[in-house]
Each structure stands twice: as structure tokens, then as C-alpha cells.
Amino acid sequence: MAKILVVDDEPAILSLIRNALITDNHLVTTISDSTQVCRNDLGAYDLILLDVMMPGVDGFTLCREIRAAVDCPILFLTAKTLESDLMYGLGLGADDYIVKPFGIGALRARIGAHLRRESRERRNVLYLENVHFNLSGKELLVQEDKVPLTKSEYEICEFLARSRGQVFSKEHIYETVFGFDGESDRSAITEHIKNIRAKLSKYGIDAIETIWGIGYKWNL
């Protein structure tokens, strides 16, 4: 299951792609107005599909603007068939293109191939605004400065960041990070969050929000 963003100004195309990808158990977000793409949310996606010919901000422009901020595959949906157009798009940082009109089977196969490759080759880095996680090294960095988190503090941050925007109770965080047999207790989560906030505040970062009576969420 992957999180996929599809940007196309044709509602019928969005509906067609959404239904096809849901069949493969992907989580699909569709946007018909390219100017409404939220740059802060892009790090949550595993693959992005962009139509080339769109009013407002076209796919080429959008790709150029977001490529440095995302590490996932970007594929163009395009009616353009000139080699110069296609090479220009790839030069902007796109990974591939799918020519319209396309068959649903071919679309699913192409996306599946990119996701499989990504699972093998993707750099172990999670980018969220000016904060990024070195997943293999278990490090959280702000503008390339390593934040001095303990192992438990890092694990809490990574868990919340991987599901950014979702609220988790202290009990859920505890059970996920420490396991049922953890040597701490659930009240320790409150203290860990306090320490994390103090360390991130030195960089002007306010990443963890308290949802009173429920729990915490990563809000970057």
C-alpha cells in the first residue's frame, strides 16, 4: 500500500485513476487545481502523478518547484509525444511519463514497477519541511544540524512523523515505541515529549502538538 498524489485538471481522469489505484489498495489523494497543492504535505507521498497541461501551474512548472522537496518518484501524465517535450520533463527531475490516452492495466503496472523499485532503492530519508530523518542512522536533523535526541525520543519522533497529522494516545505511542513489555510506563511519554519540544525549540521548531484529552500528533 502506497500514498499517491494525483494532480490533473480533468475530474474524469482523476476518478478513473483513483478507482484503479484503490483496487491495488493504495491511498490516493486527487487534486484538480494545481495551485492548491500543499507543499508542506508532499513528504507524505510515495509517488506523485502530474498532468502536464494544466491551467494556473502546469505540470512541468510544478515538478520543478517541488522536486528538491520530495524524494519519491514523480510521473507525468501527458498528451505530448514530442521527444523534446518528454526529455524536458525528465530533465526537470521527473522519473517517467505515461502518455494519454492510457490503459488502466498499463497505468497500474507502471506505477507498481516504480513503487517496487523505490522500495529497493529509495534513500532512507524522510523530509518534512526543514526537518529530515536519517532513518538508517536514526538521526533527526534540522538544516543539517543533528538534534541530540535520546534513542527513545528519536523513536517517538519518527513514529509520529511517519503518520504526520494523525493523533495518537500516550498508550498507543508507548505500545508502539517500547512494546507491551517496555521498561517504562505510559506517563514517561509525557516527559519524553517535553524533552523533545525543548530540544527542537532551540531550532525554532514546534513539531508536536497536544490534542487535549486525546494525545499527540506531528504537525509539520
Protein backbone atom coordinates (compact mmCIF):
# COMPACT_ATOMS: atom_id res chain seq x y z
CA MET A 1 0.00 0.00 0.00
CA ALA A 2 1.37 3.39 -1.00
CA LYS A 3 0.27 7.00 -0.61
CA ILE A 4 -0.14 8.52 -4.06
CA LEU A 5 -0.91 12.10 -5.11
CA VAL A 6 -2.57 12.70 -8.48
CA VAL A 7 -2.83 16.24 -9.90
CA ASP A 8 -4.94 16.67 -13.05
CA ASP A 9 -7.49 19.29 -14.07
CA GLU A 10 -9.85 16.70 -15.60
CA PRO A 11 -12.24 15.25 -12.95
CA ALA A 12 -12.98 12.21 -15.12
CA ILE A 13 -9.28 11.34 -15.31
CA LEU A 14 -8.88 11.79 -11.56
CA SER A 15 -11.83 9.50 -10.89
CA LEU A 16 -10.53 6.86 -13.30
CA ILE A 17 -7.05 6.83 -11.78
CA ARG A 18 -8.34 6.91 -8.22
CA ASN A 19 -10.61 3.90 -8.78
CA ALA A 20 -7.81 1.97 -10.48
CA LEU A 21 -5.25 2.59 -7.77
CA ILE A 22 -7.65 1.93 -4.92
CA THR A 23 -8.05 -1.53 -6.45
CA ASP A 24 -4.39 -2.07 -5.59
CA ASN A 25 -5.04 -0.89 -2.01
CA HIS A 26 -3.23 2.42 -2.44
CA LEU A 27 -4.26 5.56 -0.57
CA VAL A 28 -4.98 8.13 -3.28
CA THR A 29 -5.25 11.91 -2.95
CA THR A 30 -6.59 13.75 -6.02
CA ILE A 31 -6.28 17.49 -6.72
CA SER A 32 -7.84 19.20 -9.74
CA ASP A 33 -6.33 22.66 -9.18
CA SER A 34 -2.55 22.59 -9.29
CA THR A 35 -2.33 25.88 -7.41
CA GLN A 36 -3.88 24.13 -4.39
CA VAL A 37 -1.07 21.59 -3.96
CA CYS A 38 0.20 22.00 -0.39
CA ARG A 39 3.98 21.96 -0.44
CA ASN A 40 4.12 21.00 3.23
CA ASP A 41 2.26 17.73 2.62
CA LEU A 42 4.42 16.40 -0.21
CA GLY A 43 6.79 14.45 2.00
CA ALA A 44 3.96 12.11 2.96
CA TYR A 45 3.60 10.64 -0.55
CA ASP A 46 5.30 7.59 -2.01
CA LEU A 47 4.59 8.58 -5.63
CA ILE A 48 3.24 11.67 -7.42
CA LEU A 49 1.40 11.79 -10.75
CA LEU A 50 1.29 15.18 -12.51
CA ASP A 51 -0.65 16.13 -15.62
CA VAL A 52 1.49 18.28 -17.89
CA MET A 53 -1.13 20.56 -19.45
CA MET A 54 -2.95 22.31 -16.60
CA PRO A 55 -4.15 25.90 -16.18
CA GLY A 56 -2.54 28.00 -13.49
CA VAL A 57 0.57 25.96 -12.77
CA ASP A 58 1.42 23.35 -15.40
CA GLY A 59 2.98 20.00 -14.56
CA PHE A 60 6.47 20.97 -15.72
CA THR A 61 6.48 24.05 -13.51
CA LEU A 62 5.07 22.18 -10.53
CA CYS A 63 7.65 19.41 -10.90
CA ARG A 64 10.47 21.94 -10.99
CA GLU A 65 9.14 23.65 -7.87
CA ILE A 66 8.69 20.51 -5.77
CA ARG A 67 11.47 18.19 -6.94
CA ALA A 68 14.00 19.38 -4.38
CA ALA A 69 11.49 18.89 -1.58
CA VAL A 70 10.44 15.30 -2.31
CA ASP A 71 12.36 12.07 -2.63
CA CYS A 72 9.61 9.98 -4.24
CA PRO A 73 9.06 9.16 -7.93
CA ILE A 74 7.29 11.83 -9.99
CA LEU A 75 5.49 10.63 -13.13
CA PHE A 76 3.96 12.85 -15.80
CA LEU A 77 0.59 12.23 -17.40
CA THR A 78 0.90 13.79 -20.83
CA ALA A 79 -0.66 14.04 -24.25
CA LYS A 80 2.64 15.44 -25.51
CA THR A 81 4.57 12.91 -27.59
CA LEU A 82 7.43 15.00 -28.93
CA GLU A 83 10.73 13.64 -27.70
CA SER A 84 11.92 17.15 -26.87
CA ASP A 85 8.94 17.68 -24.55
CA LEU A 86 9.42 14.36 -22.82
CA MET A 87 13.15 14.85 -22.36
CA TYR A 88 12.50 18.34 -20.99
CA GLY A 89 10.15 16.89 -18.39
CA LEU A 90 12.62 14.22 -17.34
CA GLY A 91 15.30 16.88 -17.13
CA LEU A 92 13.22 18.71 -14.54
CA GLY A 93 13.50 15.72 -12.23
CA ALA A 94 10.57 13.52 -13.23
CA ASP A 95 11.20 9.77 -13.18
CA ASP A 96 8.90 8.70 -16.01
CA TYR A 97 5.88 9.67 -18.10
CA ILE A 98 2.63 8.00 -19.11
CA VAL A 99 1.15 9.09 -22.44
CA LYS A 100 -2.57 9.84 -22.71
CA PRO A 101 -4.75 8.05 -23.58
CA PHE A 102 -3.52 5.18 -21.45
CA GLY A 103 -4.88 1.78 -20.48
CA ILE A 104 -5.70 1.19 -16.83
CA GLY A 105 -3.67 -2.02 -16.81
CA ALA A 106 -0.63 -0.23 -18.17
CA LEU A 107 -1.05 2.60 -15.64
CA ARG A 108 -1.22 0.18 -12.72
CA ALA A 109 1.75 -1.80 -14.00
CA ARG A 110 3.90 1.29 -14.48
CA ILE A 111 3.10 2.64 -11.03
CA GLY A 112 3.66 -0.77 -9.47
CA ALA A 113 7.08 -1.01 -11.11
CA HIS A 114 8.15 2.38 -9.77
CA LEU A 115 6.96 1.57 -6.27
CA ARG A 116 8.81 -1.74 -6.27
CA ARG A 117 11.98 -0.04 -7.45
CA GLU A 118 11.51 2.66 -4.83
CA SER A 119 11.21 0.10 -2.06
CA ARG A 120 14.61 -1.26 -3.11
CA GLU A 121 16.44 1.96 -3.93
CA ARG A 122 14.87 4.81 -2.02
CA ARG A 123 17.22 6.68 0.20
CA ASN A 124 16.46 6.13 3.84
CA VAL A 125 15.50 9.74 4.40
CA LEU A 126 12.18 11.30 5.38
CA TYR A 127 11.83 15.01 4.57
CA LEU A 128 9.28 17.19 6.37
CA GLU A 129 9.80 20.89 5.69
CA ASN A 130 13.21 21.87 7.12
CA VAL A 131 13.32 18.76 9.33
CA HIS A 132 14.50 15.46 7.98
CA PHE A 133 15.08 11.99 9.36
CA ASN A 134 18.04 9.80 8.55
CA LEU A 135 16.08 6.58 9.00
CA SER A 136 19.01 4.20 8.71
CA GLY A 137 21.18 6.26 11.06
CA LYS A 138 18.29 7.03 13.44
CA GLU A 139 19.02 10.75 13.37
CA LEU A 140 16.77 13.81 13.21
CA LEU A 141 18.33 16.83 11.52
CA VAL A 142 17.28 20.45 11.24
CA GLN A 143 19.01 22.25 8.38
CA GLU A 144 21.75 19.58 8.52
CA ASP A 145 22.31 20.02 12.27
CA LYS A 146 21.78 16.81 14.23
CA VAL A 147 19.32 17.23 17.10
CA PRO A 148 20.72 15.47 20.22
CA LEU A 149 17.80 13.14 20.90
CA THR A 150 17.95 10.01 23.01
CA LYS A 151 17.01 6.72 21.33
CA SER A 152 13.53 6.82 22.84
CA GLU A 153 12.99 10.45 21.89
CA TYR A 154 14.05 9.72 18.31
CA GLU A 155 11.75 6.70 18.06
CA ILE A 156 8.80 8.77 19.26
CA CYS A 157 9.55 11.49 16.71
CA GLU A 158 9.93 9.03 13.85
CA PHE A 159 6.71 7.22 14.76
CA LEU A 160 4.69 10.44 14.88
CA ALA A 161 6.33 11.90 11.76
CA ARG A 162 5.64 8.80 9.66
CA SER A 163 1.93 9.35 10.32
CA ARG A 164 2.01 13.14 10.38
CA GLY A 165 -1.31 14.76 11.16
CA GLN A 166 -2.69 11.65 12.85
CA VAL A 167 -3.37 11.80 16.59
CA PHE A 168 -2.07 9.05 18.86
CA SER A 169 -2.74 8.50 22.54
CA LYS A 170 0.10 8.13 25.03
CA GLU A 171 -0.85 4.46 25.34
CA HIS A 172 -0.59 3.91 21.59
CA ILE A 173 2.78 5.67 21.38
CA TYR A 174 4.10 3.70 24.34
CA GLU A 175 3.00 0.34 22.96
CA THR A 176 4.41 1.10 19.50
CA VAL A 177 7.76 2.51 20.60
CA PHE A 178 8.50 0.44 23.69
CA GLY A 179 6.27 -2.58 23.24
CA PHE A 180 3.97 -4.07 25.86
CA ASP A 181 6.97 -5.22 27.85
CA GLY A 182 8.72 -1.87 27.88
CA GLU A 183 10.62 -0.95 31.00
CA SER A 184 9.00 2.46 31.20
CA ASP A 185 5.39 3.41 31.81
CA ARG A 186 2.96 5.46 29.78
CA SER A 187 3.47 8.60 31.86
CA ALA A 188 7.05 8.63 30.57
CA ILE A 189 5.71 9.60 27.14
CA THR A 190 4.70 12.97 28.55
CA GLU A 191 8.24 13.58 29.78
CA HIS A 192 9.79 12.43 26.52
CA ILE A 193 7.54 14.81 24.58
CA LYS A 194 8.54 17.64 26.92
CA ASN A 195 12.23 16.93 26.30
CA ILE A 196 11.75 16.66 22.54
CA ARG A 197 9.98 20.01 22.43
CA ALA A 198 12.75 21.67 24.46
CA LYS A 199 15.42 20.37 22.10
CA LEU A 200 13.52 21.30 18.92
CA SER A 201 12.61 24.75 20.25
CA LYS A 202 16.27 25.71 20.08
CA TYR A 203 15.90 25.47 16.30
CA GLY A 204 12.57 27.32 16.25
CA ILE A 205 10.71 24.06 15.55
CA ASP A 206 7.32 23.29 17.08
CA ALA A 207 6.63 19.85 15.65
CA ILE A 208 4.48 18.02 18.19
CA GLU A 209 1.01 19.28 19.01
CA THR A 210 -1.00 18.24 22.06
CA ILE A 211 -4.61 17.35 21.34
CA TRP A 212 -6.08 17.72 24.80
CA GLY A 213 -7.85 14.64 26.10
CA ILE A 214 -6.63 12.54 23.17
CA GLY A 215 -2.88 12.59 22.63
CA TYR A 216 -0.23 13.97 20.30
CA LYS A 217 0.39 14.49 16.61
CA TRP A 218 3.26 15.60 14.37
CA ASN A 219 2.15 18.85 12.76
CA LEU A 220 4.96 19.81 10.36
